ModelCIF file with pLDDT and N, C-alpha, C, O atoms, coordinates in Angstrom:
data_MODEL
#
_entry.id   MODEL 
#
_entity.id                         1 
_entity.type                       polymer 
_entity.pdbx_number_of_molecules   1 
#
_entity_poly.entity_id                      1 
_entity_poly.type                           'polypeptide(L)' 
_entity_poly.nstd_linkage                   no 
_entity_poly.nstd_monomer                   no 
_entity_poly.pdbx_seq_one_letter_code       EQARDAVVEIARRGPFGRLREVLLLHRSSQCNHPTKVRKCF 
_entity_poly.pdbx_seq_one_letter_code_can   EQARDAVVEIARRGPFGRLREVLLLHRSSQCNHPTKVRKCF 
_entity_poly.pdbx_strand_id                 A 
#
loop_
_entity_poly_seq.entity_id 
_entity_poly_seq.num 
_entity_poly_seq.mon_id 
_entity_poly_seq.hetero 
1 1  GLU n 
1 2  GLN n 
1 3  ALA n 
1 4  ARG n 
1 5  ASP n 
1 6  ALA n 
1 7  VAL n 
1 8  VAL n 
1 9  GLU n 
1 10 ILE n 
1 11 ALA n 
1 12 ARG n 
1 13 ARG n 
1 14 GLY n 
1 15 PRO n 
1 16 PHE n 
1 17 GLY n 
1 18 ARG n 
1 19 LEU n 
1 20 ARG n 
1 21 GLU n 
1 22 VAL n 
1 23 LEU n 
1 24 LEU n 
1 25 LEU n 
1 26 HIS n 
1 27 ARG n 
1 28 SER n 
1 29 SER n 
1 30 GLN n 
1 31 CYS n 
1 32 ASN n 
1 33 HIS n 
1 34 PRO n 
1 35 THR n 
1 36 LYS n 
1 37 VAL n 
1 38 ARG n 
1 39 LYS n 
1 40 CYS n 
1 41 PHE n 
#
_struct_asym.id          A 
_struct_asym.entity_id   1 
#
loop_
_ma_qa_metric.id 
_ma_qa_metric.mode 
_ma_qa_metric.name 
_ma_qa_metric.software_group_id 
_ma_qa_metric.type 
1 global pLDDT . pLDDT 
2 local  pLDDT . pLDDT 
#
_ma_qa_metric_global.metric_id      1 
_ma_qa_metric_global.metric_value   94.20 
_ma_qa_metric_global.model_id       1 
_ma_qa_metric_global.ordinal_id     1 
#
loop_
_ma_qa_metric_local.label_asym_id 
_ma_qa_metric_local.label_comp_id 
_ma_qa_metric_local.label_seq_id 
_ma_qa_metric_local.metric_id 
_ma_qa_metric_local.metric_value 
_ma_qa_metric_local.model_id 
_ma_qa_metric_local.ordinal_id 
A GLU 1  2 95.00 1 1  
A GLN 2  2 96.00 1 2  
A ALA 3  2 96.00 1 3  
A ARG 4  2 96.00 1 4  
A ASP 5  2 95.00 1 5  
A ALA 6  2 96.00 1 6  
A VAL 7  2 96.00 1 7  
A VAL 8  2 95.00 1 8  
A GLU 9  2 96.00 1 9  
A ILE 10 2 96.00 1 10 
A ALA 11 2 94.00 1 11 
A ARG 12 2 94.00 1 12 
A ARG 13 2 93.00 1 13 
A GLY 14 2 91.00 1 14 
A PRO 15 2 90.00 1 15 
A PHE 16 2 85.00 1 16 
A GLY 17 2 86.00 1 17 
A ARG 18 2 92.00 1 18 
A LEU 19 2 94.00 1 19 
A ARG 20 2 92.00 1 20 
A GLU 21 2 95.00 1 21 
A VAL 22 2 96.00 1 22 
A LEU 23 2 97.00 1 23 
A LEU 24 2 98.00 1 24 
A LEU 25 2 98.00 1 25 
A HIS 26 2 96.00 1 26 
A ARG 27 2 96.00 1 27 
A SER 28 2 94.00 1 28 
A SER 29 2 91.00 1 29 
A GLN 30 2 91.00 1 30 
A CYS 31 2 93.00 1 31 
A ASN 32 2 94.00 1 32 
A HIS 33 2 95.00 1 33 
A PRO 34 2 96.00 1 34 
A THR 35 2 96.00 1 35 
A LYS 36 2 96.00 1 36 
A VAL 37 2 96.00 1 37 
A ARG 38 2 94.00 1 38 
A LYS 39 2 94.00 1 39 
A CYS 40 2 94.00 1 40 
A PHE 41 2 94.00 1 41 
#
loop_
_atom_site.group_PDB 
_atom_site.id 
_atom_site.type_symbol 
_atom_site.label_atom_id 
_atom_site.label_alt_id 
_atom_site.label_comp_id 
_atom_site.label_asym_id 
_atom_site.label_entity_id 
_atom_site.label_seq_id 
_atom_site.pdbx_PDB_ins_code 
_atom_site.Cartn_x 
_atom_site.Cartn_y 
_atom_site.Cartn_z 
_atom_site.occupancy 
_atom_site.B_iso_or_equiv 
_atom_site.pdbx_formal_charge 
_atom_site.auth_seq_id 
_atom_site.auth_comp_id 
_atom_site.auth_asym_id 
_atom_site.auth_atom_id 
_atom_site.pdbx_PDB_model_num 
ATOM 1   N N  . GLU A 1 1  ? -14.958 7.749   -1.112  1.00 95.00 ? 1  GLU A N  1 
ATOM 2   C CA . GLU A 1 1  ? -13.506 7.565   -1.116  1.00 95.00 ? 1  GLU A CA 1 
ATOM 3   C C  . GLU A 1 1  ? -13.028 6.806   0.120   1.00 95.00 ? 1  GLU A C  1 
ATOM 4   O O  . GLU A 1 1  ? -12.130 5.969   0.027   1.00 95.00 ? 1  GLU A O  1 
ATOM 5   N N  . GLN A 1 2  ? -13.623 7.093   1.271   1.00 96.00 ? 2  GLN A N  1 
ATOM 6   C CA . GLN A 1 2  ? -13.251 6.368   2.487   1.00 96.00 ? 2  GLN A CA 1 
ATOM 7   C C  . GLN A 1 2  ? -13.613 4.888   2.373   1.00 96.00 ? 2  GLN A C  1 
ATOM 8   O O  . GLN A 1 2  ? -12.852 4.022   2.806   1.00 96.00 ? 2  GLN A O  1 
ATOM 9   N N  . ALA A 1 3  ? -14.764 4.606   1.794   1.00 96.00 ? 3  ALA A N  1 
ATOM 10  C CA . ALA A 1 3  ? -15.166 3.216   1.613   1.00 96.00 ? 3  ALA A CA 1 
ATOM 11  C C  . ALA A 1 3  ? -14.224 2.496   0.652   1.00 96.00 ? 3  ALA A C  1 
ATOM 12  O O  . ALA A 1 3  ? -13.828 1.359   0.905   1.00 96.00 ? 3  ALA A O  1 
ATOM 13  N N  . ARG A 1 4  ? -13.871 3.149   -0.435  1.00 96.00 ? 4  ARG A N  1 
ATOM 14  C CA . ARG A 1 4  ? -12.948 2.545   -1.408  1.00 96.00 ? 4  ARG A CA 1 
ATOM 15  C C  . ARG A 1 4  ? -11.595 2.270   -0.771  1.00 96.00 ? 4  ARG A C  1 
ATOM 16  O O  . ARG A 1 4  ? -11.033 1.190   -0.951  1.00 96.00 ? 4  ARG A O  1 
ATOM 17  N N  . ASP A 1 5  ? -11.068 3.234   -0.029  1.00 95.00 ? 5  ASP A N  1 
ATOM 18  C CA . ASP A 1 5  ? -9.770  3.034   0.622   1.00 95.00 ? 5  ASP A CA 1 
ATOM 19  C C  . ASP A 1 5  ? -9.834  1.879   1.621   1.00 95.00 ? 5  ASP A C  1 
ATOM 20  O O  . ASP A 1 5  ? -8.872  1.125   1.764   1.00 95.00 ? 5  ASP A O  1 
ATOM 21  N N  . ALA A 1 6  ? -10.974 1.739   2.316   1.00 96.00 ? 6  ALA A N  1 
ATOM 22  C CA . ALA A 1 6  ? -11.125 0.641   3.269   1.00 96.00 ? 6  ALA A CA 1 
ATOM 23  C C  . ALA A 1 6  ? -11.135 -0.698  2.549   1.00 96.00 ? 6  ALA A C  1 
ATOM 24  O O  . ALA A 1 6  ? -10.525 -1.657  3.021   1.00 96.00 ? 6  ALA A O  1 
ATOM 25  N N  . VAL A 1 7  ? -11.817 -0.776  1.418   1.00 96.00 ? 7  VAL A N  1 
ATOM 26  C CA . VAL A 1 7  ? -11.846 -2.021  0.644   1.00 96.00 ? 7  VAL A CA 1 
ATOM 27  C C  . VAL A 1 7  ? -10.436 -2.418  0.218   1.00 96.00 ? 7  VAL A C  1 
ATOM 28  O O  . VAL A 1 7  ? -10.045 -3.579  0.339   1.00 96.00 ? 7  VAL A O  1 
ATOM 29  N N  . VAL A 1 8  ? -9.682  -1.448  -0.280  1.00 95.00 ? 8  VAL A N  1 
ATOM 30  C CA . VAL A 1 8  ? -8.307  -1.726  -0.730  1.00 95.00 ? 8  VAL A CA 1 
ATOM 31  C C  . VAL A 1 8  ? -7.452  -2.221  0.430   1.00 95.00 ? 8  VAL A C  1 
ATOM 32  O O  . VAL A 1 8  ? -6.706  -3.189  0.280   1.00 95.00 ? 8  VAL A O  1 
ATOM 33  N N  . GLU A 1 9  ? -7.552  -1.568  1.581   1.00 96.00 ? 9  GLU A N  1 
ATOM 34  C CA . GLU A 1 9  ? -6.709  -1.933  2.719   1.00 96.00 ? 9  GLU A CA 1 
ATOM 35  C C  . GLU A 1 9  ? -7.124  -3.275  3.313   1.00 96.00 ? 9  GLU A C  1 
ATOM 36  O O  . GLU A 1 9  ? -6.262  -4.059  3.710   1.00 96.00 ? 9  GLU A O  1 
ATOM 37  N N  . ILE A 1 10 ? -8.412  -3.554  3.382   1.00 96.00 ? 10 ILE A N  1 
ATOM 38  C CA . ILE A 1 10 ? -8.867  -4.842  3.910   1.00 96.00 ? 10 ILE A CA 1 
ATOM 39  C C  . ILE A 1 10 ? -8.432  -5.969  2.993   1.00 96.00 ? 10 ILE A C  1 
ATOM 40  O O  . ILE A 1 10 ? -8.015  -7.028  3.464   1.00 96.00 ? 10 ILE A O  1 
ATOM 41  N N  . ALA A 1 11 ? -8.524  -5.753  1.686   1.00 94.00 ? 11 ALA A N  1 
ATOM 42  C CA . ALA A 1 11 ? -8.056  -6.768  0.737   1.00 94.00 ? 11 ALA A CA 1 
ATOM 43  C C  . ALA A 1 11 ? -6.552  -6.992  0.872   1.00 94.00 ? 11 ALA A C  1 
ATOM 44  O O  . ALA A 1 11 ? -6.073  -8.122  0.778   1.00 94.00 ? 11 ALA A O  1 
ATOM 45  N N  . ARG A 1 12 ? -5.812  -5.904  1.094   1.00 94.00 ? 12 ARG A N  1 
ATOM 46  C CA . ARG A 1 12 ? -4.355  -6.016  1.213   1.00 94.00 ? 12 ARG A CA 1 
ATOM 47  C C  . ARG A 1 12 ? -3.953  -6.793  2.456   1.00 94.00 ? 12 ARG A C  1 
ATOM 48  O O  . ARG A 1 12 ? -2.937  -7.488  2.446   1.00 94.00 ? 12 ARG A O  1 
ATOM 49  N N  . ARG A 1 13 ? -4.729  -6.687  3.523   1.00 93.00 ? 13 ARG A N  1 
ATOM 50  C CA . ARG A 1 13 ? -4.372  -7.345  4.779   1.00 93.00 ? 13 ARG A CA 1 
ATOM 51  C C  . ARG A 1 13 ? -4.744  -8.824  4.802   1.00 93.00 ? 13 ARG A C  1 
ATOM 52  O O  . ARG A 1 13 ? -4.376  -9.526  5.744   1.00 93.00 ? 13 ARG A O  1 
ATOM 53  N N  . GLY A 1 14 ? -5.452  -9.311  3.809   1.00 91.00 ? 14 GLY A N  1 
ATOM 54  C CA . GLY A 1 14 ? -5.796  -10.723 3.726   1.00 91.00 ? 14 GLY A CA 1 
ATOM 55  C C  . GLY A 1 14 ? -5.007  -11.401 2.628   1.00 91.00 ? 14 GLY A C  1 
ATOM 56  O O  . GLY A 1 14 ? -4.256  -10.741 1.909   1.00 91.00 ? 14 GLY A O  1 
ATOM 57  N N  . PRO A 1 15 ? -5.163  -12.720 2.483   1.00 90.00 ? 15 PRO A N  1 
ATOM 58  C CA . PRO A 1 15 ? -4.506  -13.434 1.386   1.00 90.00 ? 15 PRO A CA 1 
ATOM 59  C C  . PRO A 1 15 ? -4.905  -12.848 0.040   1.00 90.00 ? 15 PRO A C  1 
ATOM 60  O O  . PRO A 1 15 ? -6.040  -12.407 -0.138  1.00 90.00 ? 15 PRO A O  1 
ATOM 61  N N  . PHE A 1 16 ? -3.991  -12.842 -0.889  1.00 85.00 ? 16 PHE A N  1 
ATOM 62  C CA . PHE A 1 16 ? -4.237  -12.232 -2.202  1.00 85.00 ? 16 PHE A CA 1 
ATOM 63  C C  . PHE A 1 16 ? -5.421  -12.907 -2.891  1.00 85.00 ? 16 PHE A C  1 
ATOM 64  O O  . PHE A 1 16 ? -5.459  -14.130 -3.034  1.00 85.00 ? 16 PHE A O  1 
ATOM 65  N N  . GLY A 1 17 ? -6.378  -12.094 -3.313  1.00 86.00 ? 17 GLY A N  1 
ATOM 66  C CA . GLY A 1 17 ? -7.507  -12.609 -4.075  1.00 86.00 ? 17 GLY A CA 1 
ATOM 67  C C  . GLY A 1 17 ? -8.632  -13.186 -3.251  1.00 86.00 ? 17 GLY A C  1 
ATOM 68  O O  . GLY A 1 17 ? -9.615  -13.662 -3.819  1.00 86.00 ? 17 GLY A O  1 
ATOM 69  N N  . ARG A 1 18 ? -8.529  -13.164 -1.921  1.00 92.00 ? 18 ARG A N  1 
ATOM 70  C CA . ARG A 1 18 ? -9.569  -13.805 -1.125  1.00 92.00 ? 18 ARG A CA 1 
ATOM 71  C C  . ARG A 1 18 ? -10.848 -12.969 -1.082  1.00 92.00 ? 18 ARG A C  1 
ATOM 72  O O  . ARG A 1 18 ? -11.941 -13.524 -1.194  1.00 92.00 ? 18 ARG A O  1 
ATOM 73  N N  . LEU A 1 19 ? -10.739 -11.658 -0.924  1.00 94.00 ? 19 LEU A N  1 
ATOM 74  C CA . LEU A 1 19 ? -11.917 -10.808 -0.868  1.00 94.00 ? 19 LEU A CA 1 
ATOM 75  C C  . LEU A 1 19 ? -12.553 -10.761 -2.258  1.00 94.00 ? 19 LEU A C  1 
ATOM 76  O O  . LEU A 1 19 ? -12.001 -10.166 -3.184  1.00 94.00 ? 19 LEU A O  1 
ATOM 77  N N  . ARG A 1 20 ? -13.717 -11.394 -2.388  1.00 92.00 ? 20 ARG A N  1 
ATOM 78  C CA . ARG A 1 20 ? -14.312 -11.582 -3.708  1.00 92.00 ? 20 ARG A CA 1 
ATOM 79  C C  . ARG A 1 20 ? -15.572 -10.772 -3.949  1.00 92.00 ? 20 ARG A C  1 
ATOM 80  O O  . ARG A 1 20 ? -15.903 -10.494 -5.102  1.00 92.00 ? 20 ARG A O  1 
ATOM 81  N N  . GLU A 1 21 ? -16.286 -10.383 -2.902  1.00 95.00 ? 21 GLU A N  1 
ATOM 82  C CA . GLU A 1 21 ? -17.551 -9.678  -3.068  1.00 95.00 ? 21 GLU A CA 1 
ATOM 83  C C  . GLU A 1 21 ? -17.585 -8.450  -2.160  1.00 95.00 ? 21 GLU A C  1 
ATOM 84  O O  . GLU A 1 21 ? -17.206 -8.521  -0.991  1.00 95.00 ? 21 GLU A O  1 
ATOM 85  N N  . VAL A 1 22 ? -18.045 -7.322  -2.713  1.00 96.00 ? 22 VAL A N  1 
ATOM 86  C CA . VAL A 1 22 ? -18.193 -6.084  -1.947  1.00 96.00 ? 22 VAL A CA 1 
ATOM 87  C C  . VAL A 1 22 ? -19.612 -5.572  -2.147  1.00 96.00 ? 22 VAL A C  1 
ATOM 88  O O  . VAL A 1 22 ? -20.070 -5.413  -3.278  1.00 96.00 ? 22 VAL A O  1 
ATOM 89  N N  . LEU A 1 23 ? -20.299 -5.317  -1.050  1.00 97.00 ? 23 LEU A N  1 
ATOM 90  C CA . LEU A 1 23 ? -21.665 -4.807  -1.065  1.00 97.00 ? 23 LEU A CA 1 
ATOM 91  C C  . LEU A 1 23 ? -21.657 -3.427  -0.416  1.00 97.00 ? 23 LEU A C  1 
ATOM 92  O O  . LEU A 1 23 ? -21.302 -3.299  0.756   1.00 97.00 ? 23 LEU A O  1 
ATOM 93  N N  . LEU A 1 24 ? -22.041 -2.402  -1.158  1.00 98.00 ? 24 LEU A N  1 
ATOM 94  C CA . LEU A 1 24 ? -21.996 -1.026  -0.666  1.00 98.00 ? 24 LEU A CA 1 
ATOM 95  C C  . LEU A 1 24 ? -23.356 -0.631  -0.097  1.00 98.00 ? 24 LEU A C  1 
ATOM 96  O O  . LEU A 1 24 ? -24.384 -0.778  -0.759  1.00 98.00 ? 24 LEU A O  1 
ATOM 97  N N  . LEU A 1 25 ? -23.349 -0.132  1.132   1.00 98.00 ? 25 LEU A N  1 
ATOM 98  C CA . LEU A 1 25 ? -24.567 0.130   1.891   1.00 98.00 ? 25 LEU A CA 1 
ATOM 99  C C  . LEU A 1 25 ? -24.838 1.627   2.056   1.00 98.00 ? 25 LEU A C  1 
ATOM 100 O O  . LEU A 1 25 ? -23.942 2.459   1.909   1.00 98.00 ? 25 LEU A O  1 
ATOM 101 N N  . HIS A 1 26 ? -26.101 1.944   2.365   1.00 96.00 ? 26 HIS A N  1 
ATOM 102 C CA . HIS A 1 26 ? -26.499 3.229   2.970   1.00 96.00 ? 26 HIS A CA 1 
ATOM 103 C C  . HIS A 1 26 ? -26.144 4.442   2.116   1.00 96.00 ? 26 HIS A C  1 
ATOM 104 O O  . HIS A 1 26 ? -25.700 5.456   2.655   1.00 96.00 ? 26 HIS A O  1 
ATOM 105 N N  . ARG A 1 27 ? -26.326 4.367   0.806   1.00 96.00 ? 27 ARG A N  1 
ATOM 106 C CA . ARG A 1 27 ? -26.059 5.520   -0.054  1.00 96.00 ? 27 ARG A CA 1 
ATOM 107 C C  . ARG A 1 27 ? -27.083 6.614   0.205   1.00 96.00 ? 27 ARG A C  1 
ATOM 108 O O  . ARG A 1 27 ? -28.286 6.358   0.221   1.00 96.00 ? 27 ARG A O  1 
ATOM 109 N N  . SER A 1 28 ? -26.600 7.835   0.409   1.00 94.00 ? 28 SER A N  1 
ATOM 110 C CA . SER A 1 28 ? -27.475 8.975   0.646   1.00 94.00 ? 28 SER A CA 1 
ATOM 111 C C  . SER A 1 28 ? -28.212 9.339   -0.637  1.00 94.00 ? 28 SER A C  1 
ATOM 112 O O  . SER A 1 28 ? -27.612 9.391   -1.711  1.00 94.00 ? 28 SER A O  1 
ATOM 113 N N  . SER A 1 29 ? -29.514 9.591   -0.524  1.00 91.00 ? 29 SER A N  1 
ATOM 114 C CA . SER A 1 29 ? -30.301 9.977   -1.697  1.00 91.00 ? 29 SER A CA 1 
ATOM 115 C C  . SER A 1 29 ? -30.094 11.449  -2.047  1.00 91.00 ? 29 SER A C  1 
ATOM 116 O O  . SER A 1 29 ? -30.339 11.852  -3.184  1.00 91.00 ? 29 SER A O  1 
ATOM 117 N N  . GLN A 1 30 ? -29.645 12.257  -1.082  1.00 91.00 ? 30 GLN A N  1 
ATOM 118 C CA . GLN A 1 30 ? -29.457 13.684  -1.304  1.00 91.00 ? 30 GLN A CA 1 
ATOM 119 C C  . GLN A 1 30 ? -28.013 14.053  -1.619  1.00 91.00 ? 30 GLN A C  1 
ATOM 120 O O  . GLN A 1 30 ? -27.759 14.998  -2.365  1.00 91.00 ? 30 GLN A O  1 
ATOM 121 N N  . CYS A 1 31 ? -27.073 13.313  -1.054  1.00 93.00 ? 31 CYS A N  1 
ATOM 122 C CA . CYS A 1 31 ? -25.666 13.705  -1.153  1.00 93.00 ? 31 CYS A CA 1 
ATOM 123 C C  . CYS A 1 31 ? -24.796 12.643  -1.814  1.00 93.00 ? 31 CYS A C  1 
ATOM 124 O O  . CYS A 1 31 ? -23.589 12.584  -1.579  1.00 93.00 ? 31 CYS A O  1 
ATOM 125 N N  . ASN A 1 32 ? -25.414 11.806  -2.643  1.00 94.00 ? 32 ASN A N  1 
ATOM 126 C CA . ASN A 1 32 ? -24.654 10.803  -3.384  1.00 94.00 ? 32 ASN A CA 1 
ATOM 127 C C  . ASN A 1 32 ? -25.474 10.395  -4.597  1.00 94.00 ? 32 ASN A C  1 
ATOM 128 O O  . ASN A 1 32 ? -26.657 10.719  -4.707  1.00 94.00 ? 32 ASN A O  1 
ATOM 129 N N  . HIS A 1 33 ? -24.824 9.680   -5.503  1.00 95.00 ? 33 HIS A N  1 
ATOM 130 C CA . HIS A 1 33 ? -25.517 9.236   -6.715  1.00 95.00 ? 33 HIS A CA 1 
ATOM 131 C C  . HIS A 1 33 ? -24.833 7.965   -7.210  1.00 95.00 ? 33 HIS A C  1 
ATOM 132 O O  . HIS A 1 33 ? -23.614 7.843   -7.088  1.00 95.00 ? 33 HIS A O  1 
ATOM 133 N N  . PRO A 1 34 ? -25.590 7.012   -7.768  1.00 96.00 ? 34 PRO A N  1 
ATOM 134 C CA . PRO A 1 34 ? -24.961 5.775   -8.256  1.00 96.00 ? 34 PRO A CA 1 
ATOM 135 C C  . PRO A 1 34 ? -23.803 6.019   -9.220  1.00 96.00 ? 34 PRO A C  1 
ATOM 136 O O  . PRO A 1 34 ? -22.820 5.278   -9.211  1.00 96.00 ? 34 PRO A O  1 
ATOM 137 N N  . THR A 1 35 ? -23.918 7.062   -10.055 1.00 96.00 ? 35 THR A N  1 
ATOM 138 C CA . THR A 1 35 ? -22.830 7.367   -10.985 1.00 96.00 ? 35 THR A CA 1 
ATOM 139 C C  . THR A 1 35 ? -21.568 7.782   -10.239 1.00 96.00 ? 35 THR A C  1 
ATOM 140 O O  . THR A 1 35 ? -20.463 7.398   -10.623 1.00 96.00 ? 35 THR A O  1 
ATOM 141 N N  . LYS A 1 36 ? -21.726 8.562   -9.178  1.00 96.00 ? 36 LYS A N  1 
ATOM 142 C CA . LYS A 1 36 ? -20.582 8.969   -8.362  1.00 96.00 ? 36 LYS A CA 1 
ATOM 143 C C  . LYS A 1 36 ? -19.904 7.752   -7.741  1.00 96.00 ? 36 LYS A C  1 
ATOM 144 O O  . LYS A 1 36 ? -18.677 7.666   -7.708  1.00 96.00 ? 36 LYS A O  1 
ATOM 145 N N  . VAL A 1 37 ? -20.711 6.811   -7.249  1.00 96.00 ? 37 VAL A N  1 
ATOM 146 C CA . VAL A 1 37 ? -20.161 5.608   -6.627  1.00 96.00 ? 37 VAL A CA 1 
ATOM 147 C C  . VAL A 1 37 ? -19.415 4.776   -7.664  1.00 96.00 ? 37 VAL A C  1 
ATOM 148 O O  . VAL A 1 37 ? -18.293 4.333   -7.417  1.00 96.00 ? 37 VAL A O  1 
ATOM 149 N N  . ARG A 1 38 ? -20.039 4.561   -8.829  1.00 94.00 ? 38 ARG A N  1 
ATOM 150 C CA . ARG A 1 38 ? -19.392 3.764   -9.882  1.00 94.00 ? 38 ARG A CA 1 
ATOM 151 C C  . ARG A 1 38 ? -18.071 4.389   -10.310 1.00 94.00 ? 38 ARG A C  1 
ATOM 152 O O  . ARG A 1 38 ? -17.084 3.683   -10.518 1.00 94.00 ? 38 ARG A O  1 
ATOM 153 N N  . LYS A 1 39 ? -18.052 5.693   -10.441 1.00 94.00 ? 39 LYS A N  1 
ATOM 154 C CA . LYS A 1 39 ? -16.817 6.371   -10.856 1.00 94.00 ? 39 LYS A CA 1 
ATOM 155 C C  . LYS A 1 39 ? -15.723 6.198   -9.812  1.00 94.00 ? 39 LYS A C  1 
ATOM 156 O O  . LYS A 1 39 ? -14.556 6.006   -10.150 1.00 94.00 ? 39 LYS A O  1 
ATOM 157 N N  . CYS A 1 40 ? -16.109 6.269   -8.542  1.00 94.00 ? 40 CYS A N  1 
ATOM 158 C CA . CYS A 1 40 ? -15.134 6.147   -7.459  1.00 94.00 ? 40 CYS A CA 1 
ATOM 159 C C  . CYS A 1 40 ? -14.509 4.752   -7.422  1.00 94.00 ? 40 CYS A C  1 
ATOM 160 O O  . CYS A 1 40 ? -13.316 4.611   -7.156  1.00 94.00 ? 40 CYS A O  1 
ATOM 161 N N  . PHE A 1 41 ? -15.324 3.715   -7.691  1.00 94.00 ? 41 PHE A N  1 
ATOM 162 C CA . PHE A 1 41 ? -14.837 2.342   -7.590  1.00 94.00 ? 41 PHE A CA 1 
ATOM 163 C C  . PHE A 1 41 ? -14.399 1.757   -8.929  1.00 94.00 ? 41 PHE A C  1 
ATOM 164 O O  . PHE A 1 41 ? -13.967 0.606   -8.988  1.00 94.00 ? 41 PHE A O  1 
#
């Protein structure tokens, strides 16, 4: 959720539509799951 909120705010602070690619890093193997990430974003 913190990562998603950061993406939204960074996109808002730049010209509309400029932020085109987002790469998500360092997913925990024990405390996260790809499905959880997809649902969040």
